[in-house]
Amino acid sequence: IGEYHSGGRVENGSSILTSKEAVYYADLKDVYFKQNVHLKDPKYKLDTDSLLYNTQTEIATFIAQTSIEDSAKRKVRTREGFYDLKNKKAIFTSRTVIEDGSVKVIGNNITRDDSTGISKVEGNAVYTDTAQGIAVLAGRMLTNSKEGSFLATLHPLMIIKQEEDSIYITADTLFSG
């Protein structure tokens, strides 16, 4: 077990994690970072107050309010979940918000695969696209950021803004692609 209480860093390849305090468990390859935690990687940056990270599996576990911004300026705000750096897959819980340009996705649980651009959003899912002037509310939604498409189920409602009015559309399933 290794500890520091006056600032330190852990480097793993091109990823650099810094914090004021940390505890490293060598047998598990786990690091528990506390206070002013910053993760810098060529592809993204992360800021939080507490973070668990496994240097072998390269899985970061979020246990406090966390902000992530990738090189394409996509932003994620979450309180719980994990990100698998090797496989570029994430699971976020506790009402996570993902902003990607004019598109914002909010949900109680979001599973995201960065390699495919596909997100599965469950529980009070909200999809807004300010460039297109639409908002979609649903119980479950699949979004594809690479294709700009979505599939909404479980009582979906689409709101299309038109000048000074709005059109409301509901159906069993809504798809836009």
N, C-alpha and C. Protein backbone atom coordinates (compact mmCIF):
# COMPACT_ATOMS: atom_id res chain seq x y z
N ILE A 1 0.86 -1.18 0.00
CA ILE A 1 0.00 0.00 0.00
C ILE A 1 0.90 1.23 0.00
N GLY A 2 0.61 2.13 -0.91
CA GLY A 2 1.35 3.39 -0.97
C GLY A 2 0.37 4.55 -0.83
N GLU A 3 0.79 5.61 -0.17
CA GLU A 3 -0.08 6.76 0.04
C GLU A 3 0.68 8.05 -0.18
N TYR A 4 -0.05 9.09 -0.57
CA TYR A 4 0.49 10.44 -0.51
C TYR A 4 -0.62 11.38 -0.07
N HIS A 5 -0.24 12.45 0.62
CA HIS A 5 -1.22 13.38 1.18
C HIS A 5 -0.92 14.84 0.84
N SER A 6 0.12 15.07 0.06
CA SER A 6 0.50 16.45 -0.29
C SER A 6 0.63 16.63 -1.79
N GLY A 7 -0.13 15.87 -2.56
CA GLY A 7 -0.09 15.97 -4.00
C GLY A 7 0.79 14.90 -4.62
N GLY A 8 0.32 14.37 -5.74
CA GLY A 8 1.09 13.35 -6.42
C GLY A 8 0.47 13.02 -7.76
N ARG A 9 1.10 12.07 -8.46
CA ARG A 9 0.61 11.70 -9.78
C ARG A 9 0.92 10.24 -10.07
N VAL A 10 0.08 9.67 -10.95
CA VAL A 10 0.27 8.31 -11.42
C VAL A 10 0.24 8.38 -12.94
N GLU A 11 1.27 7.83 -13.58
CA GLU A 11 1.33 7.82 -15.04
C GLU A 11 1.15 6.40 -15.53
N ASN A 12 0.33 6.25 -16.56
CA ASN A 12 0.11 4.95 -17.18
C ASN A 12 0.03 5.19 -18.68
N GLY A 13 1.14 4.98 -19.36
CA GLY A 13 1.19 5.29 -20.79
C GLY A 13 1.08 6.79 -20.98
N SER A 14 0.11 7.22 -21.78
CA SER A 14 -0.09 8.64 -22.03
C SER A 14 -1.08 9.27 -21.05
N SER A 15 -1.66 8.48 -20.15
CA SER A 15 -2.62 8.99 -19.17
C SER A 15 -1.88 9.42 -17.90
N ILE A 16 -2.20 10.63 -17.42
CA ILE A 16 -1.60 11.15 -16.19
C ILE A 16 -2.73 11.54 -15.24
N LEU A 17 -2.73 10.92 -14.06
CA LEU A 17 -3.70 11.22 -13.02
C LEU A 17 -2.99 11.97 -11.90
N THR A 18 -3.56 13.10 -11.48
CA THR A 18 -2.99 13.85 -10.36
C THR A 18 -4.09 14.12 -9.34
N SER A 19 -3.69 14.27 -8.08
CA SER A 19 -4.62 14.60 -7.02
C SER A 19 -3.83 15.05 -5.80
N LYS A 20 -4.57 15.60 -4.83
CA LYS A 20 -3.92 16.01 -3.59
C LYS A 20 -3.58 14.81 -2.73
N GLU A 21 -4.50 13.82 -2.69
CA GLU A 21 -4.27 12.61 -1.88
C GLU A 21 -4.59 11.38 -2.72
N ALA A 22 -3.95 10.28 -2.37
CA ALA A 22 -4.25 9.01 -3.03
C ALA A 22 -3.74 7.85 -2.19
N VAL A 23 -4.38 6.71 -2.39
CA VAL A 23 -3.94 5.45 -1.78
C VAL A 23 -3.83 4.45 -2.91
N TYR A 24 -2.67 3.79 -3.03
CA TYR A 24 -2.43 2.80 -4.07
C TYR A 24 -2.32 1.42 -3.44
N TYR A 25 -3.12 0.48 -3.92
CA TYR A 25 -3.10 -0.90 -3.45
C TYR A 25 -2.39 -1.73 -4.52
N ALA A 26 -1.11 -2.02 -4.32
CA ALA A 26 -0.26 -2.65 -5.33
C ALA A 26 -0.78 -4.02 -5.77
N ASP A 27 -1.27 -4.83 -4.83
CA ASP A 27 -1.73 -6.17 -5.20
C ASP A 27 -2.97 -6.12 -6.09
N LEU A 28 -3.81 -5.11 -5.95
CA LEU A 28 -5.03 -4.97 -6.75
C LEU A 28 -4.84 -4.06 -7.95
N LYS A 29 -3.76 -3.28 -7.96
CA LYS A 29 -3.49 -2.27 -8.99
C LYS A 29 -4.54 -1.15 -8.97
N ASP A 30 -5.17 -0.93 -7.81
CA ASP A 30 -6.19 0.10 -7.64
C ASP A 30 -5.60 1.34 -7.00
N VAL A 31 -6.04 2.50 -7.48
CA VAL A 31 -5.67 3.77 -6.89
C VAL A 31 -6.96 4.50 -6.52
N TYR A 32 -7.04 5.00 -5.31
CA TYR A 32 -8.17 5.80 -4.86
C TYR A 32 -7.67 7.23 -4.74
N PHE A 33 -8.08 8.07 -5.69
CA PHE A 33 -7.66 9.46 -5.71
C PHE A 33 -8.70 10.31 -4.98
N LYS A 34 -8.22 11.30 -4.20
CA LYS A 34 -9.10 12.20 -3.45
C LYS A 34 -8.61 13.63 -3.60
N GLN A 35 -9.53 14.55 -3.64
CA GLN A 35 -9.30 16.00 -3.65
C GLN A 35 -8.55 16.47 -4.91
N ASN A 36 -9.23 17.32 -5.67
CA ASN A 36 -8.65 17.93 -6.88
C ASN A 36 -8.06 16.90 -7.83
N VAL A 37 -8.90 15.96 -8.22
CA VAL A 37 -8.45 14.89 -9.10
C VAL A 37 -8.56 15.34 -10.56
N HIS A 38 -7.46 15.17 -11.30
CA HIS A 38 -7.43 15.54 -12.72
C HIS A 38 -6.80 14.39 -13.50
N LEU A 39 -7.49 13.98 -14.55
CA LEU A 39 -6.98 12.94 -15.44
C LEU A 39 -6.77 13.59 -16.79
N LYS A 40 -5.55 13.53 -17.30
CA LYS A 40 -5.24 14.10 -18.61
C LYS A 40 -4.75 12.99 -19.52
N ASP A 41 -5.33 12.96 -20.69
CA ASP A 41 -5.01 11.99 -21.71
C ASP A 41 -5.05 12.77 -23.03
N PRO A 42 -4.32 12.36 -24.04
CA PRO A 42 -4.39 13.10 -25.31
C PRO A 42 -5.81 13.21 -25.88
N LYS A 43 -6.68 12.29 -25.52
CA LYS A 43 -8.03 12.28 -26.09
C LYS A 43 -9.10 12.94 -25.21
N TYR A 44 -8.80 13.19 -23.94
CA TYR A 44 -9.80 13.79 -23.05
C TYR A 44 -9.16 14.28 -21.77
N LYS A 45 -9.98 15.03 -20.99
CA LYS A 45 -9.56 15.44 -19.65
C LYS A 45 -10.74 15.23 -18.71
N LEU A 46 -10.44 14.98 -17.44
CA LEU A 46 -11.45 14.68 -16.43
C LEU A 46 -11.12 15.44 -15.16
N ASP A 47 -12.16 15.99 -14.52
CA ASP A 47 -12.02 16.69 -13.25
C ASP A 47 -13.08 16.17 -12.28
N THR A 48 -12.65 15.87 -11.05
CA THR A 48 -13.57 15.37 -10.03
C THR A 48 -12.93 15.55 -8.65
N ASP A 49 -13.67 15.17 -7.62
CA ASP A 49 -13.13 15.23 -6.26
C ASP A 49 -12.63 13.87 -5.79
N SER A 50 -13.22 12.78 -6.32
CA SER A 50 -12.81 11.42 -5.95
C SER A 50 -12.95 10.52 -7.16
N LEU A 51 -11.99 9.60 -7.29
CA LEU A 51 -11.99 8.71 -8.44
C LEU A 51 -11.25 7.42 -8.07
N LEU A 52 -11.80 6.31 -8.51
CA LEU A 52 -11.12 5.02 -8.39
C LEU A 52 -10.58 4.66 -9.77
N TYR A 53 -9.35 4.17 -9.81
CA TYR A 53 -8.75 3.84 -11.10
C TYR A 53 -7.90 2.58 -10.95
N ASN A 54 -8.06 1.65 -11.89
CA ASN A 54 -7.26 0.44 -11.90
C ASN A 54 -6.23 0.56 -13.01
N THR A 55 -4.95 0.53 -12.65
CA THR A 55 -3.88 0.74 -13.63
C THR A 55 -3.71 -0.44 -14.58
N GLN A 56 -4.19 -1.62 -14.19
CA GLN A 56 -4.07 -2.79 -15.05
C GLN A 56 -5.22 -2.86 -16.05
N THR A 57 -6.45 -2.74 -15.57
CA THR A 57 -7.62 -2.83 -16.46
C THR A 57 -7.91 -1.49 -17.15
N GLU A 58 -7.35 -0.41 -16.65
CA GLU A 58 -7.58 0.95 -17.14
C GLU A 58 -9.06 1.34 -17.07
N ILE A 59 -9.70 0.96 -15.97
CA ILE A 59 -11.09 1.33 -15.73
C ILE A 59 -11.13 2.41 -14.66
N ALA A 60 -11.76 3.54 -15.01
CA ALA A 60 -11.97 4.64 -14.07
C ALA A 60 -13.39 4.54 -13.55
N THR A 61 -13.56 4.56 -12.23
CA THR A 61 -14.88 4.47 -11.61
C THR A 61 -15.20 5.81 -10.97
N PHE A 62 -16.34 6.39 -11.37
CA PHE A 62 -16.75 7.70 -10.88
C PHE A 62 -17.59 7.54 -9.62
N ILE A 63 -17.21 8.24 -8.55
CA ILE A 63 -17.93 8.13 -7.28
C ILE A 63 -18.29 9.50 -6.71
N ALA A 64 -18.07 10.55 -7.50
CA ALA A 64 -18.40 11.92 -7.09
C ALA A 64 -18.73 12.70 -8.36
N GLN A 65 -19.22 13.92 -8.21
CA GLN A 65 -19.53 14.76 -9.37
C GLN A 65 -18.29 14.84 -10.26
N THR A 66 -18.45 14.48 -11.53
CA THR A 66 -17.33 14.37 -12.46
C THR A 66 -17.64 15.08 -13.76
N SER A 67 -16.66 15.82 -14.30
CA SER A 67 -16.78 16.47 -15.61
C SER A 67 -15.71 15.90 -16.52
N ILE A 68 -16.14 15.53 -17.73
CA ILE A 68 -15.23 14.97 -18.72
C ILE A 68 -15.40 15.76 -20.01
N GLU A 69 -14.28 16.07 -20.66
CA GLU A 69 -14.34 16.72 -21.98
C GLU A 69 -13.34 16.02 -22.88
N ASP A 70 -13.82 15.57 -24.06
CA ASP A 70 -12.91 14.90 -24.98
C ASP A 70 -12.33 15.88 -25.99
N SER A 71 -11.45 15.40 -26.85
CA SER A 71 -10.76 16.26 -27.81
C SER A 71 -11.71 16.88 -28.84
N ALA A 72 -12.89 16.28 -29.02
CA ALA A 72 -13.89 16.82 -29.94
C ALA A 72 -14.83 17.80 -29.22
N LYS A 73 -14.50 18.14 -27.98
CA LYS A 73 -15.27 19.08 -27.14
C LYS A 73 -16.60 18.52 -26.66
N ARG A 74 -16.81 17.19 -26.76
CA ARG A 74 -18.01 16.58 -26.17
C ARG A 74 -17.82 16.58 -24.67
N LYS A 75 -18.89 16.92 -23.92
CA LYS A 75 -18.80 17.02 -22.46
C LYS A 75 -19.75 16.03 -21.80
N VAL A 76 -19.29 15.47 -20.68
CA VAL A 76 -20.09 14.54 -19.88
C VAL A 76 -20.06 15.04 -18.45
N ARG A 77 -21.24 15.11 -17.82
CA ARG A 77 -21.33 15.42 -16.39
C ARG A 77 -22.10 14.27 -15.73
N THR A 78 -21.45 13.65 -14.73
CA THR A 78 -22.05 12.51 -14.06
C THR A 78 -21.61 12.47 -12.61
N ARG A 79 -22.28 11.63 -11.81
CA ARG A 79 -21.89 11.43 -10.41
C ARG A 79 -21.46 9.99 -10.16
N GLU A 80 -21.92 9.07 -11.01
CA GLU A 80 -21.61 7.66 -10.80
C GLU A 80 -21.44 6.97 -12.14
N GLY A 81 -20.58 5.96 -12.15
CA GLY A 81 -20.41 5.16 -13.35
C GLY A 81 -18.96 4.75 -13.53
N PHE A 82 -18.65 4.24 -14.71
CA PHE A 82 -17.27 3.89 -15.00
C PHE A 82 -16.99 4.06 -16.47
N TYR A 83 -15.70 4.19 -16.79
CA TYR A 83 -15.26 4.29 -18.17
C TYR A 83 -14.09 3.34 -18.37
N ASP A 84 -14.21 2.48 -19.36
CA ASP A 84 -13.18 1.52 -19.72
C ASP A 84 -12.31 2.16 -20.79
N LEU A 85 -11.12 2.64 -20.41
CA LEU A 85 -10.24 3.35 -21.33
C LEU A 85 -9.77 2.47 -22.48
N LYS A 86 -9.54 1.17 -22.23
CA LYS A 86 -9.07 0.27 -23.28
C LYS A 86 -10.12 0.05 -24.35
N ASN A 87 -11.36 -0.19 -23.95
CA ASN A 87 -12.42 -0.54 -24.89
C ASN A 87 -13.32 0.63 -25.28
N LYS A 88 -13.08 1.80 -24.69
CA LYS A 88 -13.83 3.02 -24.99
C LYS A 88 -15.33 2.85 -24.77
N LYS A 89 -15.68 2.21 -23.64
CA LYS A 89 -17.07 1.99 -23.28
C LYS A 89 -17.32 2.56 -21.90
N ALA A 90 -18.52 3.11 -21.72
CA ALA A 90 -18.86 3.73 -20.45
C ALA A 90 -20.27 3.34 -20.02
N ILE A 91 -20.47 3.33 -18.71
CA ILE A 91 -21.80 3.21 -18.12
C ILE A 91 -21.91 4.33 -17.11
N PHE A 92 -22.90 5.20 -17.29
CA PHE A 92 -23.14 6.32 -16.40
C PHE A 92 -24.51 6.16 -15.75
N THR A 93 -24.60 6.52 -14.48
CA THR A 93 -25.88 6.48 -13.78
C THR A 93 -26.13 7.83 -13.14
N SER A 94 -27.18 7.94 -12.38
CA SER A 94 -27.52 9.14 -11.59
C SER A 94 -27.68 10.41 -12.43
N ARG A 95 -28.53 10.32 -13.44
CA ARG A 95 -28.94 11.49 -14.24
C ARG A 95 -27.76 12.18 -14.92
N THR A 96 -27.11 11.46 -15.78
CA THR A 96 -25.94 11.94 -16.51
C THR A 96 -26.37 12.84 -17.68
N VAL A 97 -25.53 13.83 -17.99
CA VAL A 97 -25.75 14.75 -19.11
C VAL A 97 -24.57 14.63 -20.06
N ILE A 98 -24.86 14.40 -21.35
CA ILE A 98 -23.84 14.37 -22.39
C ILE A 98 -24.17 15.46 -23.40
N GLU A 99 -23.21 16.37 -23.63
CA GLU A 99 -23.39 17.44 -24.61
C GLU A 99 -22.40 17.22 -25.75
N ASP A 100 -22.94 17.18 -26.97
CA ASP A 100 -22.13 16.96 -28.16
C ASP A 100 -22.54 17.97 -29.22
N GLY A 101 -21.91 19.13 -29.20
CA GLY A 101 -22.29 20.21 -30.12
C GLY A 101 -23.67 20.71 -29.76
N SER A 102 -24.58 20.68 -30.73
CA SER A 102 -25.95 21.16 -30.50
C SER A 102 -26.84 20.10 -29.87
N VAL A 103 -26.33 18.88 -29.70
CA VAL A 103 -27.12 17.77 -29.16
C VAL A 103 -26.80 17.57 -27.68
N LYS A 104 -27.86 17.43 -26.88
CA LYS A 104 -27.72 17.13 -25.46
C LYS A 104 -28.57 15.91 -25.16
N VAL A 105 -27.98 14.94 -24.45
CA VAL A 105 -28.68 13.72 -24.06
C VAL A 105 -28.61 13.62 -22.54
N ILE A 106 -29.76 13.39 -21.91
CA ILE A 106 -29.84 13.26 -20.46
C ILE A 106 -30.60 11.97 -20.15
N GLY A 107 -30.14 11.23 -19.13
CA GLY A 107 -30.85 10.03 -18.74
C GLY A 107 -30.42 9.53 -17.38
N ASN A 108 -31.28 8.72 -16.77
CA ASN A 108 -30.94 8.13 -15.48
C ASN A 108 -29.77 7.16 -15.62
N ASN A 109 -29.76 6.39 -16.71
CA ASN A 109 -28.68 5.44 -17.00
C ASN A 109 -28.30 5.57 -18.47
N ILE A 110 -27.01 5.74 -18.73
CA ILE A 110 -26.54 5.85 -20.11
C ILE A 110 -25.38 4.89 -20.30
N THR A 111 -25.51 4.04 -21.31
CA THR A 111 -24.43 3.16 -21.72
C THR A 111 -23.92 3.70 -23.05
N ARG A 112 -22.61 3.94 -23.15
CA ARG A 112 -22.05 4.57 -24.34
C ARG A 112 -20.85 3.78 -24.84
N ASP A 113 -20.80 3.60 -26.15
CA ASP A 113 -19.65 2.98 -26.82
C ASP A 113 -19.04 4.03 -27.73
N ASP A 114 -17.91 4.59 -27.35
CA ASP A 114 -17.28 5.65 -28.13
C ASP A 114 -16.80 5.18 -29.50
N SER A 115 -16.47 3.90 -29.63
CA SER A 115 -15.99 3.41 -30.92
C SER A 115 -17.10 3.37 -31.97
N THR A 116 -18.35 3.13 -31.56
CA THR A 116 -19.46 3.10 -32.51
C THR A 116 -20.29 4.39 -32.49
N GLY A 117 -20.20 5.16 -31.41
CA GLY A 117 -21.00 6.37 -31.27
C GLY A 117 -22.41 6.11 -30.77
N ILE A 118 -22.69 4.88 -30.37
CA ILE A 118 -24.04 4.50 -29.94
C ILE A 118 -24.18 4.63 -28.43
N SER A 119 -25.28 5.26 -28.03
CA SER A 119 -25.62 5.40 -26.61
C SER A 119 -27.00 4.81 -26.39
N LYS A 120 -27.15 4.09 -25.28
CA LYS A 120 -28.45 3.59 -24.84
C LYS A 120 -28.82 4.40 -23.61
N VAL A 121 -29.94 5.11 -23.67
CA VAL A 121 -30.36 6.00 -22.59
C VAL A 121 -31.66 5.44 -22.01
N GLU A 122 -31.69 5.24 -20.69
CA GLU A 122 -32.87 4.69 -20.05
C GLU A 122 -33.27 5.54 -18.85
N GLY A 123 -34.57 5.61 -18.63
CA GLY A 123 -35.10 6.33 -17.47
C GLY A 123 -35.18 7.82 -17.70
N ASN A 124 -36.36 8.31 -18.05
CA ASN A 124 -36.58 9.74 -18.28
C ASN A 124 -35.56 10.30 -19.26
N ALA A 125 -35.42 9.65 -20.40
CA ALA A 125 -34.46 10.07 -21.42
C ALA A 125 -34.92 11.36 -22.08
N VAL A 126 -33.96 12.26 -22.28
CA VAL A 126 -34.23 13.53 -22.95
C VAL A 126 -33.15 13.72 -24.02
N TYR A 127 -33.60 14.01 -25.25
CA TYR A 127 -32.69 14.28 -26.36
C TYR A 127 -33.09 15.62 -26.94
N THR A 128 -32.17 16.57 -26.94
CA THR A 128 -32.47 17.87 -27.54
C THR A 128 -31.41 18.19 -28.58
N ASP A 129 -31.86 18.78 -29.67
CA ASP A 129 -30.98 19.23 -30.73
C ASP A 129 -31.37 20.68 -31.05
N THR A 130 -30.60 21.61 -30.53
CA THR A 130 -30.94 23.03 -30.71
C THR A 130 -30.78 23.47 -32.16
N ALA A 131 -29.91 22.84 -32.93
CA ALA A 131 -29.72 23.19 -34.34
C ALA A 131 -30.96 22.81 -35.16
N GLN A 132 -31.58 21.69 -34.81
CA GLN A 132 -32.77 21.23 -35.52
C GLN A 132 -34.07 21.71 -34.88
N GLY A 133 -33.98 22.24 -33.66
CA GLY A 133 -35.16 22.73 -32.96
C GLY A 133 -36.09 21.62 -32.49
N ILE A 134 -35.51 20.50 -32.04
CA ILE A 134 -36.34 19.40 -31.57
C ILE A 134 -35.94 18.96 -30.17
N ALA A 135 -36.91 18.38 -29.49
CA ALA A 135 -36.67 17.74 -28.20
C ALA A 135 -37.47 16.44 -28.20
N VAL A 136 -36.89 15.39 -27.64
CA VAL A 136 -37.57 14.10 -27.55
C VAL A 136 -37.48 13.63 -26.10
N LEU A 137 -38.63 13.23 -25.56
CA LEU A 137 -38.70 12.66 -24.22
C LEU A 137 -39.17 11.22 -24.37
N ALA A 138 -38.56 10.28 -23.64
CA ALA A 138 -38.94 8.87 -23.76
C ALA A 138 -38.45 8.10 -22.55
N GLY A 139 -39.00 6.90 -22.39
CA GLY A 139 -38.54 6.01 -21.33
C GLY A 139 -37.23 5.34 -21.69
N ARG A 140 -37.02 5.10 -23.00
CA ARG A 140 -35.79 4.47 -23.48
C ARG A 140 -35.45 5.05 -24.85
N MET A 141 -34.16 5.22 -25.09
CA MET A 141 -33.74 5.80 -26.36
C MET A 141 -32.37 5.25 -26.76
N LEU A 142 -32.21 5.01 -28.05
CA LEU A 142 -30.91 4.68 -28.62
C LEU A 142 -30.51 5.86 -29.49
N THR A 143 -29.29 6.36 -29.32
CA THR A 143 -28.81 7.46 -30.15
C THR A 143 -27.51 7.04 -30.82
N ASN A 144 -27.29 7.57 -32.01
CA ASN A 144 -26.04 7.32 -32.73
C ASN A 144 -25.46 8.67 -33.11
N SER A 145 -24.41 9.09 -32.42
CA SER A 145 -23.83 10.41 -32.65
C SER A 145 -23.10 10.48 -33.99
N LYS A 146 -22.64 9.35 -34.51
CA LYS A 146 -21.95 9.36 -35.80
C LYS A 146 -22.92 9.54 -36.96
N GLU A 147 -24.13 9.04 -36.82
CA GLU A 147 -25.14 9.16 -37.87
C GLU A 147 -26.15 10.26 -37.59
N GLY A 148 -26.17 10.78 -36.37
CA GLY A 148 -27.14 11.81 -35.99
C GLY A 148 -28.56 11.26 -35.93
N SER A 149 -28.70 10.01 -35.50
CA SER A 149 -30.01 9.38 -35.46
C SER A 149 -30.40 9.00 -34.03
N PHE A 150 -31.71 8.74 -33.86
CA PHE A 150 -32.20 8.24 -32.58
C PHE A 150 -33.42 7.36 -32.79
N LEU A 151 -33.65 6.46 -31.84
CA LEU A 151 -34.82 5.61 -31.79
C LEU A 151 -35.36 5.72 -30.38
N ALA A 152 -36.59 6.20 -30.24
CA ALA A 152 -37.19 6.42 -28.92
C ALA A 152 -38.38 5.49 -28.72
N THR A 153 -38.45 4.84 -27.55
CA THR A 153 -39.57 3.95 -27.21
C THR A 153 -40.04 4.25 -25.79
N LEU A 154 -41.04 3.54 -25.35
CA LEU A 154 -41.65 3.69 -24.02
C LEU A 154 -42.24 5.10 -23.87
N HIS A 155 -43.32 5.33 -24.54
CA HIS A 155 -44.08 6.58 -24.49
C HIS A 155 -43.28 7.80 -24.96
N PRO A 156 -42.71 7.73 -26.15
CA PRO A 156 -41.92 8.87 -26.63
C PRO A 156 -42.80 10.06 -27.03
N LEU A 157 -42.24 11.24 -26.86
CA LEU A 157 -42.89 12.49 -27.26
C LEU A 157 -41.83 13.36 -27.93
N MET A 158 -42.13 13.81 -29.15
CA MET A 158 -41.22 14.71 -29.86
C MET A 158 -41.86 16.08 -29.91
N ILE A 159 -41.07 17.10 -29.64
CA ILE A 159 -41.52 18.49 -29.71
C ILE A 159 -40.67 19.18 -30.76
N ILE A 160 -41.32 19.71 -31.79
CA ILE A 160 -40.63 20.41 -32.86
C ILE A 160 -40.98 21.89 -32.75
N LYS A 161 -39.98 22.70 -32.56
CA LYS A 161 -40.18 24.15 -32.43
C LYS A 161 -40.29 24.77 -33.82
N GLN A 162 -41.33 25.58 -34.02
CA GLN A 162 -41.54 26.28 -35.29
C GLN A 162 -41.90 27.72 -35.00
N GLU A 163 -40.98 28.61 -35.28
CA GLU A 163 -41.15 30.05 -35.05
C GLU A 163 -41.74 30.31 -33.67
N GLU A 164 -43.01 30.68 -33.57
CA GLU A 164 -43.61 31.00 -32.27
C GLU A 164 -44.54 29.91 -31.77
N ASP A 165 -44.44 28.71 -32.33
CA ASP A 165 -45.33 27.62 -31.95
C ASP A 165 -44.52 26.32 -31.89
N SER A 166 -45.16 25.26 -31.43
CA SER A 166 -44.50 23.96 -31.36
C SER A 166 -45.46 22.88 -31.82
N ILE A 167 -44.92 21.83 -32.41
CA ILE A 167 -45.70 20.66 -32.81
C ILE A 167 -45.31 19.53 -31.86
N TYR A 168 -46.32 18.84 -31.32
CA TYR A 168 -46.10 17.72 -30.42
C TYR A 168 -46.48 16.44 -31.15
N ILE A 169 -45.57 15.45 -31.17
CA ILE A 169 -45.82 14.20 -31.86
C ILE A 169 -45.54 13.08 -30.87
N THR A 170 -46.50 12.14 -30.78
CA THR A 170 -46.31 10.98 -29.92
C THR A 170 -46.70 9.74 -30.71
N ALA A 171 -46.07 8.62 -30.36
CA ALA A 171 -46.33 7.36 -31.04
C ALA A 171 -45.78 6.24 -30.16
N ASP A 172 -45.93 5.02 -30.60
CA ASP A 172 -45.36 3.88 -29.89
C ASP A 172 -43.83 3.93 -29.98
N THR A 173 -43.34 4.29 -31.16
CA THR A 173 -41.90 4.37 -31.41
C THR A 173 -41.63 5.57 -32.32
N LEU A 174 -40.58 6.31 -32.03
CA LEU A 174 -40.17 7.42 -32.89
C LEU A 174 -38.75 7.17 -33.34
N PHE A 175 -38.49 7.39 -34.65
CA PHE A 175 -37.16 7.21 -35.21
C PHE A 175 -36.83 8.40 -36.09
N SER A 176 -35.60 8.87 -35.99
CA SER A 176 -35.12 9.93 -36.86
C SER A 176 -33.72 9.57 -37.28
N GLY A 177 -33.44 9.66 -38.58
CA GLY A 177 -32.13 9.30 -39.05
C GLY A 177 -31.75 10.03 -40.30
